[in-house]
Amino acid sequence: MTQLELFKKTTNHEHSGHFLFYAEFIEDLLARYEKFENINIEDIFQKYNAFSPVYIGMQNISIPKPEQFSEYFKDFSAPENAFINSLGVMEIPGSKFHFTRYISPLRNIDSLKEIEKIPIISLENAHSDGMKKSAEIAHSQGKVVCSWIGHMYEEAWQVRGYEEFLMDMIAAPENCEYLLDKFTKNNMIATIAAVENGADIIKTGDDVANQRAMMFNTDLWRKFMKPRWAKVYEKAKSINPDIQIWYHSDGNIWDIIPDLIDIGVTILNPVQPECLDVEKVKKEFGKHLILDGVIGTQTTMPFGNIDEVKNTVRKVKETCGYDGALIISPTHVLEPEVPLENIRAFFEECNKSN
C-alpha cells in the first residue's frame, strides 16, 4: 500500500492495520540520530516507512528587507547575534538550540494609523508555477501532497507584541483586526493556490493555548480568529470538498475543538497527552477528526525507556486508532535530551502492522 492509499484510508476512518507516522527533530538531535542509524534522515524514513509527504508552495513572495524595520528598534540595543526576520520581528537566539527571544516592531506603537505603516510580507504577487507539476509527480509516486498555509494569530502578535496584542483585543480591537486581516489575506491566497494545484492537505494553525487552558477568553478566539479561519477553510472546500484541513495548536484547546470541527478542520495536531485527555478527545470528537500526534514529548519520548515508548505506541493504536483515523507522531519537535534508542523504538513500533 502506498502512503497516498494509506492516507485516503486514514482520512476515511478505515482501519487497514497500518498507520501513518513521523517524527521531527531539532538540528543537533537529528545529526546524532543520523550518525546512530548511519544513514541520513530521508533513508531513515524510508527504512521505517515513515510518513514523507511532498510539500508544495508559492514562489516570488514579497518579503520586506530588514532595513525597512530599523526605525522600530532605534530604542533597543541589539546584541551581535540578533537578526530581523521576514515579519520584521527581531530575533535574539537563546543559549540553547532553537530557543529565541522576540522583540516586536510595533511594541511601542498605539495608533492604528502608525500600525498601518509597517511593511507586511505579501503573497499578492506570488505565483504557483511548478506546484501542479510537483503534485502530479508526487501522486504518481504514491505520495501525499501537503502545503503549509501559515498562522494568523501567531504572526499578528509577533508583529504587535504578545501583551500588546492581548490588550488590543479588549481595548483596541481595530489594531488586531488590521493585522489579522493582512495575514488572513496571505492565508487565503496560499490556500487557493495549494488546493487548485493538487494538495491533499493544507496545514494551518495557531498556538492559542497553554498547558491548562486557552491563553485568552474563548469568546475572543471566536470573535477574532474563528471567522477568519472559517473563510479560508470554506474557500478550500469550495475548490475541493475532499481537501483535508490540518490545524495545529499546542496546549489544552478542548474548549475550541467543537468550533474547529464546525469550520471544517479534519486533522487535529498535536493533541498533547500532558494537556488533554487523549482518549476523551477521541471518544468525544473521533468521528469528526483524525488525531495527529498524541505521543508525549514532555514525558514519553525524553523520559520513558524503550519498553515504555513501545507500549505507549501500542496503546494509542488501540485507543485512538481503532477506526484508522490516527497519524502517530511526537507532539513537538524532538529535543536534545531524547535518547536515540527511544527514537528507534518509536519508529519500529509504529511500523508494525496491527
Protein backbone atom coordinates (compact mmCIF):
# COMPACT_ATOMS: atom_id res chain seq x y z
CA MET A 1 0.00 0.00 0.00
CA THR A 2 1.37 3.43 -0.91
CA GLN A 3 1.35 6.29 1.57
CA LEU A 4 -1.29 8.04 -0.56
CA GLU A 5 -3.52 4.96 -0.38
CA LEU A 6 -2.98 4.69 3.38
CA PHE A 7 -3.67 8.41 3.76
CA LYS A 8 -7.01 8.02 1.99
CA LYS A 9 -7.96 5.14 4.27
CA THR A 10 -6.88 7.19 7.29
CA THR A 11 -8.97 10.20 6.29
CA ASN A 12 -11.93 7.91 5.51
CA HIS A 13 -11.64 6.41 9.01
CA GLU A 14 -10.93 2.96 7.60
CA HIS A 15 -8.71 0.72 9.72
CA SER A 16 -6.16 -1.02 7.49
CA GLY A 17 -3.82 -2.45 10.10
CA HIS A 18 -1.22 0.23 9.31
CA PHE A 19 -0.73 3.82 10.41
CA LEU A 20 0.99 6.89 9.03
CA PHE A 21 3.69 8.10 11.43
CA TYR A 22 6.60 10.53 11.56
CA ALA A 23 8.91 12.49 13.86
CA GLU A 24 10.66 15.84 13.63
CA PHE A 25 13.95 16.80 15.24
CA ILE A 26 15.97 19.83 16.22
CA GLU A 27 19.20 20.02 14.24
CA ASP A 28 21.51 18.76 17.00
CA LEU A 29 19.45 15.65 17.71
CA LEU A 30 18.93 14.94 14.02
CA ALA A 31 22.68 14.92 13.38
CA ARG A 32 23.24 12.50 16.24
CA TYR A 33 20.37 10.25 15.20
CA GLU A 34 21.62 10.08 11.61
CA LYS A 35 25.00 9.02 12.99
CA PHE A 36 23.29 6.48 15.26
CA GLU A 37 21.46 4.92 12.29
CA ASN A 38 24.46 5.51 9.98
CA ILE A 39 22.16 6.91 7.25
CA ASN A 40 20.57 10.28 6.52
CA ILE A 41 17.04 11.24 7.56
CA GLU A 42 15.50 10.53 4.14
CA ASP A 43 16.87 7.00 4.24
CA ILE A 44 15.78 6.63 7.87
CA PHE A 45 12.22 7.50 6.92
CA GLN A 46 12.40 5.06 4.02
CA LYS A 47 13.85 2.33 6.25
CA TYR A 48 10.94 2.58 8.69
CA ASN A 49 8.26 3.52 6.15
CA ALA A 50 7.67 6.83 7.93
CA PHE A 51 5.22 9.36 6.52
CA SER A 52 7.06 11.56 3.99
CA PRO A 53 4.66 13.92 2.22
CA VAL A 54 5.76 16.24 -0.56
CA TYR A 55 5.33 19.96 0.15
CA ILE A 56 4.32 22.48 -2.46
CA GLY A 57 4.18 26.26 -2.10
CA MET A 58 4.13 29.59 -3.88
CA GLN A 59 7.16 31.44 -5.21
CA ASN A 60 8.09 35.12 -5.55
CA ILE A 61 6.70 36.08 -2.14
CA SER A 62 7.22 39.75 -1.34
CA ILE A 63 9.35 39.89 1.81
CA PRO A 64 10.30 43.28 3.28
CA LYS A 65 14.03 43.90 3.74
CA PRO A 66 15.39 44.01 7.31
CA GLU A 67 16.46 47.63 6.93
CA GLN A 68 12.82 48.60 6.40
CA PHE A 69 12.25 47.90 10.09
CA SER A 70 15.28 49.66 11.55
CA GLU A 71 13.23 52.63 12.82
CA TYR A 72 11.22 50.31 15.06
CA PHE A 73 14.31 49.28 17.02
CA LYS A 74 16.05 52.65 17.50
CA ASP A 75 15.45 52.44 21.24
CA PHE A 76 16.79 48.89 21.52
CA SER A 77 20.42 47.88 21.85
CA ALA A 78 20.59 44.65 19.93
CA PRO A 79 23.26 42.02 20.60
CA GLU A 80 25.54 40.99 17.74
CA ASN A 81 23.71 37.73 17.07
CA ALA A 82 20.29 39.39 16.69
CA PHE A 83 18.58 39.50 13.31
CA ILE A 84 15.31 40.73 11.83
CA ASN A 85 13.14 38.03 10.30
CA SER A 86 10.66 38.19 7.41
CA LEU A 87 7.91 39.55 9.67
CA GLY A 88 10.09 42.42 10.82
CA VAL A 89 10.48 40.82 14.25
CA MET A 90 13.91 40.95 15.86
CA GLU A 91 15.05 37.53 16.97
CA ILE A 92 17.72 37.10 19.63
CA PRO A 93 18.91 33.48 19.61
CA GLY A 94 18.96 31.86 23.02
CA SER A 95 21.86 29.99 24.55
CA LYS A 96 20.27 26.61 23.85
CA PHE A 97 19.44 25.19 20.43
CA HIS A 98 16.30 26.62 18.76
CA PHE A 99 15.05 28.89 21.55
CA THR A 100 14.83 32.54 20.66
CA ARG A 101 13.61 35.85 22.09
CA TYR A 102 11.25 38.03 20.05
CA ILE A 103 11.33 41.83 20.01
CA SER A 104 8.21 43.06 18.23
CA PRO A 105 8.48 46.09 15.95
CA LEU A 106 5.08 47.51 17.00
CA ARG A 107 5.58 47.06 20.74
CA ASN A 108 5.74 50.83 21.38
CA ILE A 109 3.10 51.94 18.89
CA ASP A 110 -0.51 52.59 19.84
CA SER A 111 -2.32 54.22 16.92
CA LEU A 112 -3.84 52.27 14.07
CA LYS A 113 -2.53 54.86 11.63
CA GLU A 114 1.04 54.05 12.69
CA ILE A 115 0.39 50.31 12.69
CA GLU A 116 -0.82 50.55 9.10
CA LYS A 117 2.57 51.89 8.03
CA ILE A 118 4.56 48.76 8.86
CA PRO A 119 5.64 46.64 5.86
CA ILE A 120 3.91 43.25 5.82
CA ILE A 121 5.02 40.15 3.96
CA SER A 122 2.69 39.66 0.98
CA LEU A 123 1.63 36.91 -1.41
CA GLU A 124 -0.30 39.22 -3.73
CA ASN A 125 2.31 38.96 -6.50
CA ALA A 126 3.43 35.42 -5.72
CA HIS A 127 2.95 32.69 -8.33
CA SER A 128 2.15 29.00 -8.26
CA ASP A 129 4.41 27.94 -11.13
CA GLY A 130 5.53 24.37 -10.69
CA MET A 131 3.11 23.50 -7.90
CA LYS A 132 0.75 21.43 -10.03
CA LYS A 133 3.57 19.53 -11.73
CA SER A 134 5.17 18.73 -8.37
CA ALA A 135 1.84 17.47 -7.06
CA GLU A 136 1.28 15.29 -10.12
CA ILE A 137 4.72 13.72 -9.82
CA ALA A 138 4.22 13.07 -6.09
CA HIS A 139 0.84 11.46 -6.69
CA SER A 140 2.27 9.28 -9.45
CA GLN A 141 4.80 8.03 -6.89
CA GLY A 142 2.08 7.27 -4.33
CA LYS A 143 2.94 10.21 -2.08
CA VAL A 144 0.73 12.67 -0.22
CA VAL A 145 0.93 16.36 -1.13
CA CYS A 146 0.91 18.99 1.61
CA SER A 147 1.04 22.77 1.63
CA TRP A 148 1.93 24.91 4.62
CA ILE A 149 -0.52 27.83 4.68
CA GLY A 150 0.59 29.52 7.86
CA HIS A 151 -0.61 31.18 11.04
CA MET A 152 -2.58 34.35 11.60
CA TYR A 153 -2.74 34.99 15.36
CA GLU A 154 0.88 33.97 15.91
CA GLU A 155 2.16 36.23 13.15
CA ALA A 156 -0.04 39.12 14.28
CA TRP A 157 1.05 39.02 17.91
CA GLN A 158 4.70 38.64 16.96
CA VAL A 159 4.49 41.83 14.93
CA ARG A 160 2.43 43.69 17.53
CA GLY A 161 3.89 42.28 20.73
CA TYR A 162 2.35 39.49 22.81
CA GLU A 163 0.98 41.52 25.71
CA GLU A 164 0.12 44.42 23.42
CA PHE A 165 -1.95 42.19 21.15
CA LEU A 166 -3.83 40.66 24.09
CA MET A 167 -4.64 44.11 25.43
CA ASP A 168 -5.70 45.30 21.99
CA MET A 169 -8.29 42.54 21.78
CA ILE A 170 -10.13 44.35 24.58
CA ALA A 171 -9.09 47.99 24.28
CA ALA A 172 -8.29 48.49 20.59
CA PRO A 173 -9.78 45.64 18.53
CA GLU A 174 -9.21 47.55 15.29
CA ASN A 175 -5.46 47.02 15.74
CA CYS A 176 -5.93 43.26 15.95
CA GLU A 177 -8.33 43.17 13.04
CA TYR A 178 -5.99 45.09 10.76
CA LEU A 179 -3.08 42.73 11.35
CA LEU A 180 -5.20 39.59 11.30
CA ASP A 181 -6.77 40.64 8.01
CA LYS A 182 -3.33 41.14 6.46
CA PHE A 183 -2.24 37.62 7.35
CA THR A 184 -5.63 36.11 6.52
CA LYS A 185 -5.31 37.56 3.02
CA ASN A 186 -1.98 35.75 2.62
CA ASN A 187 -3.53 32.56 4.00
CA MET A 188 -6.36 32.79 1.50
CA ILE A 189 -4.02 33.28 -1.46
CA ALA A 190 -1.82 30.36 -0.37
CA THR A 191 -4.85 28.14 0.21
CA ILE A 192 -6.36 28.77 -3.21
CA ALA A 193 -3.03 28.04 -4.90
CA ALA A 194 -2.48 24.86 -2.89
CA VAL A 195 -5.92 23.37 -3.38
CA GLU A 196 -6.16 24.30 -7.06
CA ASN A 197 -2.78 22.70 -7.71
CA GLY A 198 -3.39 19.34 -6.11
CA ALA A 199 -2.62 19.48 -2.39
CA ASP A 200 -4.20 16.73 -0.29
CA ILE A 201 -3.69 18.63 2.98
CA ILE A 202 -3.46 22.29 3.83
CA LYS A 203 -1.63 22.88 7.09
CA THR A 204 -2.72 25.77 9.29
CA GLY A 205 -2.84 26.72 12.93
CA ASP A 206 -2.01 28.99 15.83
CA ASP A 207 -0.75 28.25 19.32
CA VAL A 208 -3.69 29.63 21.29
CA ALA A 209 -3.44 27.59 24.49
CA ASN A 210 -1.08 26.88 27.36
CA GLN A 211 -0.73 23.66 29.32
CA ARG A 212 -4.01 24.08 31.18
CA ALA A 213 -6.33 26.30 29.16
CA MET A 214 -6.72 28.84 26.38
CA MET A 215 -4.32 31.80 26.51
CA PHE A 216 -7.27 34.17 26.47
CA ASN A 217 -11.06 34.08 26.75
CA THR A 218 -12.53 31.62 24.26
CA ASP A 219 -15.06 34.20 23.11
CA LEU A 220 -12.17 36.36 21.91
CA TRP A 221 -10.88 33.49 19.78
CA ARG A 222 -14.39 33.11 18.38
CA LYS A 223 -14.54 36.82 17.63
CA PHE A 224 -11.13 37.32 16.05
CA MET A 225 -9.72 34.03 14.77
CA LYS A 226 -12.58 31.63 14.14
CA PRO A 227 -14.42 33.62 11.43
CA ARG A 228 -11.20 34.30 9.55
CA TRP A 229 -10.13 30.67 9.52
CA ALA A 230 -13.70 29.75 8.59
CA LYS A 231 -13.48 31.85 5.42
CA VAL A 232 -10.16 30.26 4.45
CA TYR A 233 -11.45 26.73 5.04
CA GLU A 234 -14.74 27.43 3.28
CA LYS A 235 -12.82 28.57 0.21
CA ALA A 236 -10.66 25.45 0.29
CA LYS A 237 -13.70 23.19 0.50
CA SER A 238 -15.41 25.05 -2.34
CA ILE A 239 -12.50 24.14 -4.63
CA ASN A 240 -12.05 20.57 -3.38
CA PRO A 241 -14.63 19.18 -0.93
CA ASP A 242 -12.21 16.35 -0.08
CA ILE A 243 -9.34 18.62 1.00
CA GLN A 244 -8.00 17.73 4.42
CA ILE A 245 -7.61 20.69 6.77
CA TRP A 246 -4.90 20.27 9.41
CA TYR A 247 -4.91 22.58 12.42
CA HIS A 248 -2.14 22.86 14.98
CA SER A 249 -2.21 24.29 18.46
CA ASP A 250 -0.16 23.17 21.40
CA GLY A 251 -1.75 23.02 24.82
CA ASN A 252 -5.25 22.42 26.13
CA ILE A 253 -7.58 23.53 23.34
CA TRP A 254 -10.52 21.39 24.50
CA ASP A 255 -12.87 24.38 24.56
CA ILE A 256 -12.46 25.17 20.85
CA ILE A 257 -12.36 21.67 19.38
CA PRO A 258 -16.10 21.76 18.54
CA ASP A 259 -15.54 25.15 16.87
CA LEU A 260 -12.68 23.78 14.79
CA ILE A 261 -14.84 20.90 13.62
CA ASP A 262 -17.64 23.36 12.87
CA ILE A 263 -15.46 25.38 10.48
CA GLY A 264 -14.02 22.38 8.67
CA VAL A 265 -10.91 21.11 10.44
CA THR A 266 -10.40 17.40 9.80
CA ILE A 267 -6.94 16.71 11.25
CA LEU A 268 -6.06 17.93 14.75
CA ASN A 269 -2.44 18.27 15.85
CA PRO A 270 -0.72 17.62 18.24
CA VAL A 271 -3.20 16.52 20.95
CA GLN A 272 -0.69 16.67 23.80
CA PRO A 273 -1.27 13.94 26.41
CA GLU A 274 0.23 16.21 29.08
CA CYS A 275 -2.52 18.79 28.37
CA LEU A 276 -5.51 16.82 27.12
CA ASP A 277 -7.14 13.51 27.93
CA VAL A 278 -6.33 11.96 24.56
CA GLU A 279 -8.80 9.10 24.91
CA LYS A 280 -11.55 11.55 25.85
CA VAL A 281 -10.75 13.65 22.77
CA LYS A 282 -11.05 10.51 20.65
CA LYS A 283 -14.31 9.45 22.29
CA GLU A 284 -15.96 12.87 22.00
CA PHE A 285 -14.66 14.02 18.62
CA GLY A 286 -13.14 11.00 16.89
CA LYS A 287 -15.90 10.58 14.34
CA HIS A 288 -15.10 14.06 13.02
CA LEU A 289 -11.30 14.22 13.39
CA ILE A 290 -8.10 12.40 12.56
CA LEU A 291 -5.75 12.80 15.50
CA ASP A 292 -2.15 13.63 14.54
CA GLY A 293 0.37 13.40 17.36
CA VAL A 294 -0.57 12.03 20.81
CA ILE A 295 2.94 10.79 21.78
CA GLY A 296 4.27 12.99 24.59
CA THR A 297 7.45 14.98 24.03
CA GLN A 298 7.40 16.20 27.63
CA THR A 299 7.05 12.68 29.04
CA THR A 300 7.32 9.50 26.97
CA MET A 301 9.97 10.39 24.41
CA PRO A 302 12.58 12.05 26.66
CA PHE A 303 11.92 10.24 29.95
CA GLY A 304 10.46 6.85 29.06
CA ASN A 305 12.57 3.78 28.36
CA ILE A 306 12.41 1.68 25.19
CA ASP A 307 9.63 -0.54 26.52
CA GLU A 308 7.59 2.44 27.67
CA VAL A 309 7.87 4.06 24.25
CA LYS A 310 6.74 0.88 22.52
CA ASN A 311 3.92 0.29 25.00
CA THR A 312 2.70 3.87 24.52
CA VAL A 313 2.64 3.46 20.74
CA ARG A 314 0.75 0.16 21.06
CA LYS A 315 -1.74 1.75 23.44
CA VAL A 316 -2.55 4.73 21.21
CA LYS A 317 -3.06 2.42 18.27
CA GLU A 318 -5.68 0.58 20.32
CA THR A 319 -7.37 3.55 21.99
CA CYS A 320 -7.11 6.19 19.26
CA GLY A 321 -6.57 4.20 16.08
CA TYR A 322 -9.28 1.55 16.24
CA ASP A 323 -11.07 3.30 13.34
CA GLY A 324 -7.87 4.03 11.41
CA ALA A 325 -8.19 7.79 11.95
CA LEU A 326 -4.79 8.30 13.56
CA ILE A 327 -1.42 9.68 12.47
CA ILE A 328 1.20 8.89 15.10
CA SER A 329 3.90 11.43 15.94
CA PRO A 330 5.62 13.05 18.89
CA THR A 331 3.64 16.14 19.82
CA HIS A 332 6.50 18.52 19.11
CA VAL A 333 9.93 18.61 17.57
CA LEU A 334 12.17 16.16 19.47
CA GLU A 335 14.63 17.90 21.78
CA PRO A 336 18.28 17.02 22.55
CA GLU A 337 17.54 15.01 25.69
CA VAL A 338 15.54 12.34 23.84
CA PRO A 339 17.52 9.05 23.91
CA LEU A 340 18.41 7.83 20.45
CA GLU A 341 17.22 4.33 21.35
CA ASN A 342 13.76 5.75 22.10
CA ILE A 343 13.51 7.24 18.61
CA ARG A 344 14.36 3.90 17.04
CA ALA A 345 11.85 2.18 19.32
CA PHE A 346 9.19 4.67 18.24
CA PHE A 347 9.82 4.05 14.54
CA GLU A 348 9.99 0.27 14.95
CA GLU A 349 6.73 0.03 16.89
CA CYS A 350 4.84 2.43 14.64
CA ASN A 351 5.90 0.40 11.60
CA LYS A 352 4.39 -2.83 12.94
CA SER A 353 1.02 -3.81 11.49
CA ASN A 354 -1.88 -4.15 13.90
